[in-house]
Amino acid sequence: MIILIGAALAAAVIPAPAKVSQQTLENLNAAFQGESNAAHRYEAFAKKADADGYSQAARLFRAAARAESIHKENHKQAILDLGGKIKDFKLDEPKPSTTSENLQAAIKGESYERDTMYPDFLKRAKEDGSKEATRTLLYAQKAEAEHAKLYQEALDNLGKKSDTPIFVCKVCGYTTTKLPDRNCPSCRESVSQYVRTD
């Protein structure tokens, strides 16, 4: 009797992983791999922008790399919370071009994630009723939309002197040049969760 009660208490204390479709786990793994590669690629683009003398573009690439790393970790945690496994993969080898071309490539990648990849993944996660997957995918999509805008501004102003600070939310990866008054517009956490990228 005591053993049965103990097992029942243990089951009540340790929640079982939420049920989620294999497709959502596949989508989260694809997003995890994509964000891992984006962070790696943007670090390489930042070094190239620094070498080219474009300090503001380099700062933006570093901030975006930080944001993508946050998305990667959030996706990983969601996979594990949902009872899935992280698939092995090899990072792509970045091949930086000119800073202008790197910004154009970044705009294309962020726009695809914002307009196609994340909406598709979110639709499935919502159909599954998976709050964990929906939250992490939505955080990433909102940040990618900002990244696309910031990359376009950087491309439009490439070569002009600028020393604009860039801030990244440590919780959701939202990236901005203007700190919110109180809470992050994406995850609603305190503005104290933002870090400045130099």
N, C-alpha and C. Protein backbone atom coordinates (compact mmCIF):
# COMPACT_ATOMS: atom_id res chain seq x y z
N MET A 1 0.82 -1.20 0.00
CA MET A 1 0.00 0.00 0.00
C MET A 1 0.86 1.26 0.00
N ILE A 2 1.91 1.27 0.84
CA ILE A 2 2.80 2.44 0.92
C ILE A 2 3.51 2.65 -0.41
N ILE A 3 3.94 1.56 -1.02
CA ILE A 3 4.64 1.66 -2.31
C ILE A 3 3.71 2.24 -3.37
N LEU A 4 2.47 1.82 -3.40
CA LEU A 4 1.51 2.33 -4.38
C LEU A 4 1.26 3.81 -4.17
N ILE A 5 1.11 4.23 -2.91
CA ILE A 5 0.89 5.65 -2.61
C ILE A 5 2.11 6.46 -3.04
N GLY A 6 3.31 5.93 -2.74
CA GLY A 6 4.53 6.62 -3.14
C GLY A 6 4.63 6.78 -4.65
N ALA A 7 4.29 5.74 -5.39
CA ALA A 7 4.32 5.80 -6.85
C ALA A 7 3.30 6.80 -7.37
N ALA A 8 2.12 6.83 -6.74
CA ALA A 8 1.08 7.79 -7.15
C ALA A 8 1.53 9.22 -6.88
N LEU A 9 2.17 9.45 -5.74
CA LEU A 9 2.68 10.79 -5.43
C LEU A 9 3.78 11.20 -6.41
N ALA A 10 4.68 10.27 -6.72
CA ALA A 10 5.76 10.57 -7.66
C ALA A 10 5.18 10.93 -9.03
N ALA A 11 4.16 10.21 -9.45
CA ALA A 11 3.52 10.49 -10.74
C ALA A 11 2.86 11.86 -10.73
N ALA A 12 2.32 12.25 -9.57
CA ALA A 12 1.64 13.55 -9.46
C ALA A 12 2.65 14.69 -9.46
N VAL A 13 3.83 14.46 -8.90
CA VAL A 13 4.85 15.50 -8.77
C VAL A 13 5.62 15.70 -10.07
N ILE A 14 5.94 14.61 -10.78
CA ILE A 14 6.72 14.69 -12.02
C ILE A 14 5.76 14.60 -13.20
N PRO A 15 5.51 15.75 -13.85
CA PRO A 15 4.57 15.72 -14.97
C PRO A 15 5.13 14.92 -16.15
N ALA A 16 4.28 14.18 -16.78
CA ALA A 16 4.68 13.44 -17.99
C ALA A 16 4.82 14.43 -19.13
N PRO A 17 5.72 14.16 -20.09
CA PRO A 17 5.85 15.05 -21.24
C PRO A 17 4.51 15.17 -21.98
N ALA A 18 4.23 16.38 -22.44
CA ALA A 18 2.98 16.62 -23.17
C ALA A 18 2.99 15.82 -24.47
N LYS A 19 1.80 15.40 -24.89
CA LYS A 19 1.69 14.68 -26.17
C LYS A 19 1.83 15.70 -27.29
N VAL A 20 2.62 15.36 -28.26
CA VAL A 20 2.83 16.25 -29.39
C VAL A 20 3.11 15.36 -30.60
N SER A 21 2.78 15.86 -31.78
CA SER A 21 2.99 15.05 -32.98
C SER A 21 4.47 14.93 -33.31
N GLN A 22 4.80 13.88 -34.01
CA GLN A 22 6.18 13.69 -34.47
C GLN A 22 6.56 14.83 -35.40
N GLN A 23 5.59 15.35 -36.16
CA GLN A 23 5.88 16.45 -37.09
C GLN A 23 6.35 17.69 -36.34
N THR A 24 5.71 18.00 -35.22
CA THR A 24 6.13 19.18 -34.45
C THR A 24 7.54 18.98 -33.89
N LEU A 25 7.85 17.77 -33.44
CA LEU A 25 9.21 17.50 -32.96
C LEU A 25 10.21 17.62 -34.11
N GLU A 26 9.82 17.15 -35.30
CA GLU A 26 10.69 17.30 -36.49
C GLU A 26 10.88 18.79 -36.81
N ASN A 27 9.80 19.55 -36.73
CA ASN A 27 9.87 20.98 -37.01
C ASN A 27 10.78 21.69 -36.01
N LEU A 28 10.65 21.33 -34.73
CA LEU A 28 11.50 21.94 -33.71
C LEU A 28 12.96 21.59 -33.94
N ASN A 29 13.23 20.36 -34.35
CA ASN A 29 14.60 19.98 -34.65
C ASN A 29 15.14 20.75 -35.86
N ALA A 30 14.30 20.93 -36.88
CA ALA A 30 14.71 21.71 -38.05
C ALA A 30 15.00 23.16 -37.64
N ALA A 31 14.15 23.72 -36.78
CA ALA A 31 14.35 25.09 -36.30
C ALA A 31 15.63 25.17 -35.46
N PHE A 32 15.87 24.17 -34.62
CA PHE A 32 17.09 24.12 -33.80
C PHE A 32 18.33 24.12 -34.69
N GLN A 33 18.30 23.30 -35.74
CA GLN A 33 19.44 23.23 -36.65
C GLN A 33 19.60 24.55 -37.43
N GLY A 34 18.48 25.11 -37.87
CA GLY A 34 18.53 26.37 -38.61
C GLY A 34 19.09 27.51 -37.78
N GLU A 35 18.65 27.60 -36.52
CA GLU A 35 19.13 28.68 -35.65
C GLU A 35 20.59 28.46 -35.28
N SER A 36 21.00 27.20 -35.10
CA SER A 36 22.41 26.90 -34.82
C SER A 36 23.28 27.37 -35.97
N ASN A 37 22.87 27.07 -37.20
CA ASN A 37 23.62 27.49 -38.38
C ASN A 37 23.61 29.01 -38.55
N ALA A 38 22.47 29.63 -38.27
CA ALA A 38 22.39 31.09 -38.40
C ALA A 38 23.34 31.77 -37.42
N ALA A 39 23.38 31.31 -36.18
CA ALA A 39 24.28 31.91 -35.18
C ALA A 39 25.73 31.77 -35.64
N HIS A 40 26.08 30.61 -36.14
CA HIS A 40 27.44 30.33 -36.62
C HIS A 40 27.78 31.22 -37.82
N ARG A 41 26.84 31.33 -38.74
CA ARG A 41 27.04 32.13 -39.95
C ARG A 41 27.17 33.61 -39.60
N TYR A 42 26.32 34.12 -38.72
CA TYR A 42 26.36 35.54 -38.38
C TYR A 42 27.63 35.93 -37.63
N GLU A 43 28.18 35.00 -36.85
CA GLU A 43 29.47 35.27 -36.20
C GLU A 43 30.55 35.48 -37.28
N ALA A 44 30.53 34.64 -38.30
CA ALA A 44 31.50 34.78 -39.41
C ALA A 44 31.25 36.09 -40.17
N PHE A 45 29.98 36.43 -40.39
CA PHE A 45 29.65 37.68 -41.09
C PHE A 45 30.10 38.89 -40.26
N ALA A 46 30.01 38.80 -38.94
CA ALA A 46 30.43 39.90 -38.07
C ALA A 46 31.93 40.14 -38.22
N LYS A 47 32.70 39.06 -38.25
CA LYS A 47 34.16 39.19 -38.41
C LYS A 47 34.49 39.83 -39.76
N LYS A 48 33.78 39.45 -40.79
CA LYS A 48 34.01 40.02 -42.12
C LYS A 48 33.65 41.51 -42.14
N ALA A 49 32.52 41.87 -41.50
CA ALA A 49 32.11 43.28 -41.46
C ALA A 49 33.14 44.11 -40.69
N ASP A 50 33.66 43.58 -39.60
CA ASP A 50 34.72 44.27 -38.86
C ASP A 50 35.94 44.47 -39.75
N ALA A 51 36.33 43.42 -40.45
CA ALA A 51 37.50 43.49 -41.34
C ALA A 51 37.28 44.50 -42.46
N ASP A 52 36.03 44.63 -42.91
CA ASP A 52 35.69 45.59 -43.98
C ASP A 52 35.52 47.02 -43.46
N GLY A 53 35.55 47.20 -42.14
CA GLY A 53 35.39 48.53 -41.56
C GLY A 53 33.95 48.95 -41.34
N TYR A 54 33.03 48.00 -41.33
CA TYR A 54 31.61 48.31 -41.11
C TYR A 54 31.22 47.89 -39.69
N SER A 55 31.58 48.72 -38.73
CA SER A 55 31.38 48.36 -37.31
C SER A 55 29.91 48.20 -36.93
N GLN A 56 29.03 49.02 -37.52
CA GLN A 56 27.61 48.91 -37.17
C GLN A 56 27.02 47.60 -37.70
N ALA A 57 27.39 47.23 -38.91
CA ALA A 57 26.92 45.95 -39.46
C ALA A 57 27.47 44.79 -38.64
N ALA A 58 28.73 44.90 -38.23
CA ALA A 58 29.34 43.85 -37.40
C ALA A 58 28.58 43.71 -36.08
N ARG A 59 28.23 44.84 -35.47
CA ARG A 59 27.47 44.83 -34.22
C ARG A 59 26.12 44.14 -34.42
N LEU A 60 25.46 44.45 -35.53
CA LEU A 60 24.16 43.83 -35.80
C LEU A 60 24.31 42.32 -35.99
N PHE A 61 25.31 41.90 -36.73
CA PHE A 61 25.52 40.46 -36.92
C PHE A 61 25.79 39.77 -35.57
N ARG A 62 26.57 40.42 -34.69
CA ARG A 62 26.84 39.82 -33.38
C ARG A 62 25.57 39.73 -32.54
N ALA A 63 24.75 40.78 -32.59
CA ALA A 63 23.48 40.77 -31.84
C ALA A 63 22.56 39.68 -32.37
N ALA A 64 22.47 39.56 -33.68
CA ALA A 64 21.61 38.53 -34.27
C ALA A 64 22.13 37.14 -33.94
N ALA A 65 23.45 36.96 -33.93
CA ALA A 65 24.02 35.66 -33.57
C ALA A 65 23.64 35.31 -32.14
N ARG A 66 23.67 36.29 -31.25
CA ARG A 66 23.25 36.05 -29.86
C ARG A 66 21.78 35.66 -29.81
N ALA A 67 20.95 36.37 -30.57
CA ALA A 67 19.50 36.07 -30.59
C ALA A 67 19.25 34.67 -31.12
N GLU A 68 19.95 34.29 -32.20
CA GLU A 68 19.75 32.96 -32.78
C GLU A 68 20.18 31.87 -31.80
N SER A 69 21.22 32.15 -31.02
CA SER A 69 21.65 31.19 -30.00
C SER A 69 20.59 31.01 -28.92
N ILE A 70 19.91 32.10 -28.58
CA ILE A 70 18.81 32.03 -27.61
C ILE A 70 17.67 31.19 -28.19
N HIS A 71 17.34 31.43 -29.46
CA HIS A 71 16.27 30.64 -30.11
C HIS A 71 16.65 29.16 -30.13
N LYS A 72 17.89 28.89 -30.47
CA LYS A 72 18.39 27.51 -30.53
C LYS A 72 18.18 26.82 -29.17
N GLU A 73 18.58 27.49 -28.10
CA GLU A 73 18.45 26.90 -26.76
C GLU A 73 16.98 26.74 -26.36
N ASN A 74 16.15 27.73 -26.72
CA ASN A 74 14.71 27.62 -26.43
C ASN A 74 14.08 26.44 -27.18
N HIS A 75 14.45 26.28 -28.45
CA HIS A 75 13.94 25.15 -29.24
C HIS A 75 14.39 23.82 -28.64
N LYS A 76 15.65 23.77 -28.24
CA LYS A 76 16.20 22.55 -27.64
C LYS A 76 15.42 22.18 -26.37
N GLN A 77 15.18 23.18 -25.52
CA GLN A 77 14.44 22.92 -24.28
C GLN A 77 13.03 22.44 -24.56
N ALA A 78 12.39 23.02 -25.56
CA ALA A 78 11.02 22.59 -25.92
C ALA A 78 11.03 21.15 -26.39
N ILE A 79 12.00 20.78 -27.21
CA ILE A 79 12.09 19.39 -27.68
C ILE A 79 12.20 18.44 -26.49
N LEU A 80 13.10 18.76 -25.57
CA LEU A 80 13.31 17.90 -24.41
C LEU A 80 12.08 17.86 -23.51
N ASP A 81 11.45 19.03 -23.30
CA ASP A 81 10.24 19.09 -22.46
C ASP A 81 9.10 18.26 -23.05
N LEU A 82 9.09 18.16 -24.38
CA LEU A 82 8.03 17.41 -25.06
C LEU A 82 8.39 15.93 -25.23
N GLY A 83 9.50 15.52 -24.64
CA GLY A 83 9.88 14.11 -24.69
C GLY A 83 10.62 13.70 -25.95
N GLY A 84 11.06 14.69 -26.74
CA GLY A 84 11.77 14.39 -27.98
C GLY A 84 13.27 14.30 -27.77
N LYS A 85 13.98 14.04 -28.85
CA LYS A 85 15.45 13.95 -28.81
C LYS A 85 16.03 14.96 -29.81
N ILE A 86 17.19 15.49 -29.45
CA ILE A 86 17.90 16.40 -30.34
C ILE A 86 18.64 15.55 -31.38
N LYS A 87 18.37 15.82 -32.64
CA LYS A 87 19.03 15.06 -33.71
C LYS A 87 20.45 15.58 -33.93
N ASP A 88 21.36 14.65 -34.20
CA ASP A 88 22.73 15.03 -34.52
C ASP A 88 22.76 15.68 -35.90
N PHE A 89 23.60 16.69 -36.04
CA PHE A 89 23.80 17.32 -37.34
C PHE A 89 25.15 18.02 -37.32
N LYS A 90 25.64 18.37 -38.50
CA LYS A 90 26.91 19.08 -38.62
C LYS A 90 26.62 20.51 -39.05
N LEU A 91 27.28 21.46 -38.36
CA LEU A 91 27.12 22.87 -38.74
C LEU A 91 27.63 23.10 -40.15
N ASP A 92 26.92 23.94 -40.90
CA ASP A 92 27.39 24.35 -42.22
C ASP A 92 28.64 25.19 -42.06
N GLU A 93 29.52 25.14 -43.04
CA GLU A 93 30.72 25.98 -43.01
C GLU A 93 30.38 27.32 -43.67
N PRO A 94 30.38 28.43 -42.89
CA PRO A 94 30.02 29.73 -43.48
C PRO A 94 31.04 30.16 -44.53
N LYS A 95 30.54 30.81 -45.58
CA LYS A 95 31.40 31.33 -46.62
C LYS A 95 31.07 32.81 -46.83
N PRO A 96 31.62 33.68 -45.96
CA PRO A 96 31.29 35.11 -46.08
C PRO A 96 31.70 35.70 -47.42
N SER A 97 30.85 36.57 -47.94
CA SER A 97 31.15 37.33 -49.15
C SER A 97 31.45 38.76 -48.71
N THR A 98 31.09 39.74 -49.52
CA THR A 98 31.23 41.13 -49.07
C THR A 98 30.16 41.39 -48.01
N THR A 99 30.35 42.41 -47.21
CA THR A 99 29.36 42.71 -46.18
C THR A 99 28.01 43.03 -46.79
N SER A 100 28.00 43.71 -47.91
CA SER A 100 26.74 44.00 -48.60
C SER A 100 26.02 42.71 -48.99
N GLU A 101 26.75 41.77 -49.57
CA GLU A 101 26.15 40.49 -49.96
C GLU A 101 25.73 39.67 -48.74
N ASN A 102 26.51 39.76 -47.66
CA ASN A 102 26.14 39.05 -46.43
C ASN A 102 24.85 39.60 -45.84
N LEU A 103 24.69 40.92 -45.90
CA LEU A 103 23.44 41.52 -45.42
C LEU A 103 22.26 41.08 -46.29
N GLN A 104 22.47 41.04 -47.60
CA GLN A 104 21.40 40.59 -48.49
C GLN A 104 21.02 39.14 -48.22
N ALA A 105 22.03 38.29 -47.98
CA ALA A 105 21.77 36.89 -47.66
C ALA A 105 21.01 36.77 -46.34
N ALA A 106 21.37 37.61 -45.36
CA ALA A 106 20.71 37.59 -44.06
C ALA A 106 19.25 38.03 -44.19
N ILE A 107 18.99 39.04 -44.99
CA ILE A 107 17.61 39.51 -45.22
C ILE A 107 16.78 38.38 -45.82
N LYS A 108 17.36 37.70 -46.82
CA LYS A 108 16.65 36.60 -47.48
C LYS A 108 16.34 35.48 -46.47
N GLY A 109 17.33 35.11 -45.65
CA GLY A 109 17.13 34.04 -44.68
C GLY A 109 16.11 34.38 -43.61
N GLU A 110 16.21 35.59 -43.08
CA GLU A 110 15.27 36.02 -42.03
C GLU A 110 13.85 36.15 -42.59
N SER A 111 13.74 36.65 -43.81
CA SER A 111 12.42 36.80 -44.43
C SER A 111 11.76 35.45 -44.66
N TYR A 112 12.54 34.47 -45.08
CA TYR A 112 12.01 33.11 -45.26
C TYR A 112 11.50 32.55 -43.94
N GLU A 113 12.29 32.71 -42.88
CA GLU A 113 11.86 32.20 -41.57
C GLU A 113 10.60 32.91 -41.09
N ARG A 114 10.57 34.23 -41.27
CA ARG A 114 9.43 35.03 -40.82
C ARG A 114 8.16 34.71 -41.60
N ASP A 115 8.29 34.57 -42.93
CA ASP A 115 7.11 34.46 -43.79
C ASP A 115 6.67 33.03 -44.11
N THR A 116 7.59 32.08 -44.07
CA THR A 116 7.28 30.72 -44.50
C THR A 116 7.53 29.66 -43.42
N MET A 117 8.77 29.55 -42.98
CA MET A 117 9.12 28.46 -42.07
C MET A 117 8.36 28.53 -40.75
N TYR A 118 8.52 29.64 -40.03
CA TYR A 118 7.88 29.70 -38.72
C TYR A 118 6.35 29.70 -38.78
N PRO A 119 5.71 30.37 -39.75
CA PRO A 119 4.25 30.26 -39.83
C PRO A 119 3.78 28.81 -40.02
N ASP A 120 4.48 28.05 -40.88
CA ASP A 120 4.12 26.64 -41.09
C ASP A 120 4.30 25.83 -39.81
N PHE A 121 5.44 26.03 -39.14
CA PHE A 121 5.72 25.29 -37.91
C PHE A 121 4.73 25.67 -36.80
N LEU A 122 4.39 26.94 -36.73
CA LEU A 122 3.44 27.41 -35.71
C LEU A 122 2.05 26.84 -35.93
N LYS A 123 1.64 26.76 -37.19
CA LYS A 123 0.32 26.21 -37.51
C LYS A 123 0.20 24.79 -36.96
N ARG A 124 1.23 23.99 -37.18
CA ARG A 124 1.21 22.60 -36.72
C ARG A 124 1.25 22.52 -35.19
N ALA A 125 2.11 23.35 -34.57
CA ALA A 125 2.22 23.33 -33.11
C ALA A 125 0.90 23.71 -32.45
N LYS A 126 0.20 24.68 -33.05
CA LYS A 126 -1.11 25.09 -32.51
C LYS A 126 -2.14 23.99 -32.69
N GLU A 127 -2.09 23.31 -33.84
CA GLU A 127 -3.01 22.18 -34.06
C GLU A 127 -2.77 21.09 -33.01
N ASP A 128 -1.50 20.92 -32.61
CA ASP A 128 -1.14 19.93 -31.59
C ASP A 128 -1.54 20.40 -30.18
N GLY A 129 -1.81 21.70 -30.05
CA GLY A 129 -2.09 22.25 -28.73
C GLY A 129 -0.85 22.31 -27.85
N SER A 130 0.31 22.41 -28.49
CA SER A 130 1.58 22.42 -27.76
C SER A 130 2.00 23.85 -27.40
N LYS A 131 1.81 24.21 -26.14
CA LYS A 131 2.19 25.55 -25.69
C LYS A 131 3.70 25.73 -25.74
N GLU A 132 4.45 24.68 -25.38
CA GLU A 132 5.92 24.78 -25.38
C GLU A 132 6.44 25.09 -26.78
N ALA A 133 5.97 24.33 -27.76
CA ALA A 133 6.42 24.54 -29.14
C ALA A 133 5.94 25.89 -29.67
N THR A 134 4.69 26.22 -29.41
CA THR A 134 4.14 27.47 -29.91
C THR A 134 4.91 28.66 -29.36
N ARG A 135 5.21 28.63 -28.07
CA ARG A 135 5.91 29.75 -27.45
C ARG A 135 7.29 29.97 -28.09
N THR A 136 8.10 28.92 -28.17
CA THR A 136 9.47 29.10 -28.68
C THR A 136 9.47 29.48 -30.16
N LEU A 137 8.55 28.91 -30.94
CA LEU A 137 8.48 29.24 -32.36
C LEU A 137 8.02 30.68 -32.58
N LEU A 138 7.08 31.13 -31.75
CA LEU A 138 6.58 32.50 -31.86
C LEU A 138 7.65 33.51 -31.47
N TYR A 139 8.40 33.22 -30.40
CA TYR A 139 9.50 34.10 -30.00
C TYR A 139 10.48 34.27 -31.16
N ALA A 140 10.83 33.16 -31.79
CA ALA A 140 11.79 33.21 -32.90
C ALA A 140 11.22 34.00 -34.08
N GLN A 141 9.96 33.74 -34.43
CA GLN A 141 9.37 34.43 -35.58
C GLN A 141 9.35 35.95 -35.36
N LYS A 142 8.99 36.37 -34.16
CA LYS A 142 8.95 37.83 -33.89
C LYS A 142 10.33 38.45 -34.00
N ALA A 143 11.33 37.74 -33.51
CA ALA A 143 12.70 38.26 -33.59
C ALA A 143 13.19 38.30 -35.03
N GLU A 144 12.86 37.27 -35.81
CA GLU A 144 13.31 37.23 -37.21
C GLU A 144 12.72 38.40 -37.99
N ALA A 145 11.49 38.77 -37.68
CA ALA A 145 10.87 39.91 -38.36
C ALA A 145 11.67 41.19 -38.08
N GLU A 146 12.11 41.36 -36.85
CA GLU A 146 12.93 42.52 -36.49
C GLU A 146 14.30 42.44 -37.15
N HIS A 147 14.88 41.24 -37.17
CA HIS A 147 16.19 41.08 -37.81
C HIS A 147 16.13 41.49 -39.28
N ALA A 148 15.08 41.07 -39.98
CA ALA A 148 14.96 41.42 -41.40
C ALA A 148 14.93 42.93 -41.58
N LYS A 149 14.19 43.63 -40.71
CA LYS A 149 14.12 45.10 -40.79
C LYS A 149 15.48 45.73 -40.50
N LEU A 150 16.13 45.24 -39.43
CA LEU A 150 17.42 45.81 -39.04
C LEU A 150 18.49 45.55 -40.11
N TYR A 151 18.46 44.37 -40.71
CA TYR A 151 19.41 44.08 -41.78
C TYR A 151 19.17 44.98 -42.99
N GLN A 152 17.90 45.23 -43.32
CA GLN A 152 17.60 46.12 -44.44
C GLN A 152 18.09 47.54 -44.16
N GLU A 153 17.87 48.01 -42.94
CA GLU A 153 18.36 49.35 -42.55
C GLU A 153 19.88 49.40 -42.64
N ALA A 154 20.54 48.34 -42.18
CA ALA A 154 22.01 48.30 -42.22
C ALA A 154 22.50 48.33 -43.67
N LEU A 155 21.82 47.60 -44.54
CA LEU A 155 22.20 47.58 -45.96
C LEU A 155 21.99 48.96 -46.58
N ASP A 156 20.85 49.58 -46.27
CA ASP A 156 20.54 50.91 -46.82
C ASP A 156 21.54 51.97 -46.36
N ASN A 157 22.11 51.77 -45.16
CA ASN A 157 23.01 52.77 -44.57
C ASN A 157 24.47 52.31 -44.54
N LEU A 158 24.77 51.26 -45.28
CA LEU A 158 26.14 50.72 -45.27
C LEU A 158 27.12 51.79 -45.72
N GLY A 159 28.17 51.99 -44.95
CA GLY A 159 29.17 53.00 -45.28
C GLY A 159 28.95 54.32 -44.59
N LYS A 160 27.75 54.54 -44.03
CA LYS A 160 27.48 55.76 -43.27
C LYS A 160 27.91 55.53 -41.83
N LYS A 161 28.47 56.56 -41.22
CA LYS A 161 28.91 56.45 -39.82
C LYS A 161 27.70 56.28 -38.92
N SER A 162 27.76 55.27 -38.07
CA SER A 162 26.67 55.02 -37.14
C SER A 162 27.22 54.30 -35.91
N ASP A 163 26.69 54.64 -34.77
CA ASP A 163 27.09 53.99 -33.52
C ASP A 163 25.84 53.72 -32.69
N THR A 164 24.90 53.02 -33.31
CA THR A 164 23.62 52.74 -32.67
C THR A 164 23.73 51.47 -31.82
N PRO A 165 23.36 51.56 -30.54
CA PRO A 165 23.39 50.34 -29.71
C PRO A 165 22.31 49.36 -30.15
N ILE A 166 22.57 48.09 -29.93
CA ILE A 166 21.60 47.04 -30.26
C ILE A 166 21.42 46.18 -29.02
N PHE A 167 20.17 45.91 -28.67
CA PHE A 167 19.83 45.17 -27.46
C PHE A 167 19.11 43.87 -27.82
N VAL A 168 19.41 42.82 -27.04
CA VAL A 168 18.81 41.50 -27.26
C VAL A 168 18.20 41.02 -25.95
N CYS A 169 16.96 40.55 -26.00
CA CYS A 169 16.31 39.97 -24.83
C CYS A 169 16.89 38.57 -24.58
N LYS A 170 17.37 38.33 -23.37
CA LYS A 170 17.97 37.04 -23.03
C LYS A 170 16.94 35.92 -22.94
N VAL A 171 15.66 36.27 -22.83
CA VAL A 171 14.61 35.25 -22.70
C VAL A 171 14.15 34.76 -24.06
N CYS A 172 13.86 35.69 -24.99
CA CYS A 172 13.25 35.31 -26.27
C CYS A 172 14.06 35.67 -27.50
N GLY A 173 15.14 36.45 -27.33
CA GLY A 173 15.96 36.80 -28.48
C GLY A 173 15.48 38.00 -29.28
N TYR A 174 14.42 38.68 -28.81
CA TYR A 174 13.94 39.86 -29.53
C TYR A 174 15.08 40.88 -29.60
N THR A 175 15.26 41.50 -30.75
CA THR A 175 16.40 42.37 -31.00
C THR A 175 15.91 43.75 -31.41
N THR A 176 16.48 44.80 -30.81
CA THR A 176 16.00 46.14 -31.07
C THR A 176 17.09 47.18 -30.86
N THR A 177 16.92 48.34 -31.48
CA THR A 177 17.85 49.45 -31.25
C THR A 177 17.32 50.40 -30.18
N LYS A 178 16.06 50.19 -29.76
CA LYS A 178 15.46 51.05 -28.73
C LYS A 178 14.89 50.18 -27.62
N LEU A 179 15.43 50.35 -26.43
CA LEU A 179 14.94 49.57 -25.30
C LEU A 179 13.48 49.89 -25.04
N PRO A 180 12.65 48.88 -24.79
CA PRO A 180 11.26 49.15 -24.43
C PRO A 180 11.20 49.85 -23.07
N ASP A 181 10.10 50.53 -22.80
CA ASP A 181 9.97 51.25 -21.53
C ASP A 181 9.99 50.31 -20.33
N ARG A 182 9.22 49.23 -20.42
CA ARG A 182 9.11 48.34 -19.25
C ARG A 182 9.30 46.87 -19.58
N ASN A 183 8.53 46.37 -20.56
CA ASN A 183 8.55 44.94 -20.84
C ASN A 183 8.89 44.67 -22.30
N CYS A 184 9.48 43.50 -22.52
CA CYS A 184 9.80 43.05 -23.87
C CYS A 184 8.49 42.92 -24.65
N PRO A 185 8.43 43.46 -25.88
CA PRO A 185 7.20 43.36 -26.67
C PRO A 185 6.89 41.93 -27.14
N SER A 186 7.86 41.04 -27.04
CA SER A 186 7.64 39.66 -27.48
C SER A 186 7.26 38.75 -26.31
N CYS A 187 8.15 38.62 -25.33
CA CYS A 187 7.90 37.66 -24.24
C CYS A 187 7.28 38.30 -23.00
N ARG A 188 7.20 39.62 -22.96
CA ARG A 188 6.60 40.38 -21.86
C ARG A 188 7.44 40.36 -20.58
N GLU A 189 8.67 39.84 -20.66
CA GLU A 189 9.55 39.88 -19.48
C GLU A 189 10.07 41.31 -19.29
N SER A 190 10.62 41.56 -18.11
CA SER A 190 11.13 42.89 -17.77
C SER A 190 12.24 43.32 -18.72
N VAL A 191 12.32 44.62 -18.94
CA VAL A 191 13.38 45.19 -19.78
C VAL A 191 14.75 44.88 -19.19
N SER A 192 14.81 44.51 -17.92
CA SER A 192 16.09 44.16 -17.29
C SER A 192 16.69 42.90 -17.92
N GLN A 193 15.91 42.15 -18.69
CA GLN A 193 16.40 40.93 -19.37
C GLN A 193 17.17 41.26 -20.66
N TYR A 194 17.22 42.54 -21.04
CA TYR A 194 17.92 42.92 -22.26
C TYR A 194 19.41 43.12 -22.01
N VAL A 195 20.22 42.68 -22.96
CA VAL A 195 21.67 42.92 -22.90
C VAL A 195 22.07 43.73 -24.14
N ARG A 196 23.03 44.60 -23.94
CA ARG A 196 23.52 45.43 -25.03
C ARG A 196 24.63 44.70 -25.78
N THR A 197 24.63 44.83 -27.09
CA THR A 197 25.67 44.24 -27.92
C THR A 197 26.55 45.34 -28.48
N ASP A 198 27.84 45.21 -28.28
CA ASP A 198 28.79 46.20 -28.80
C ASP A 198 29.62 45.61 -29.92
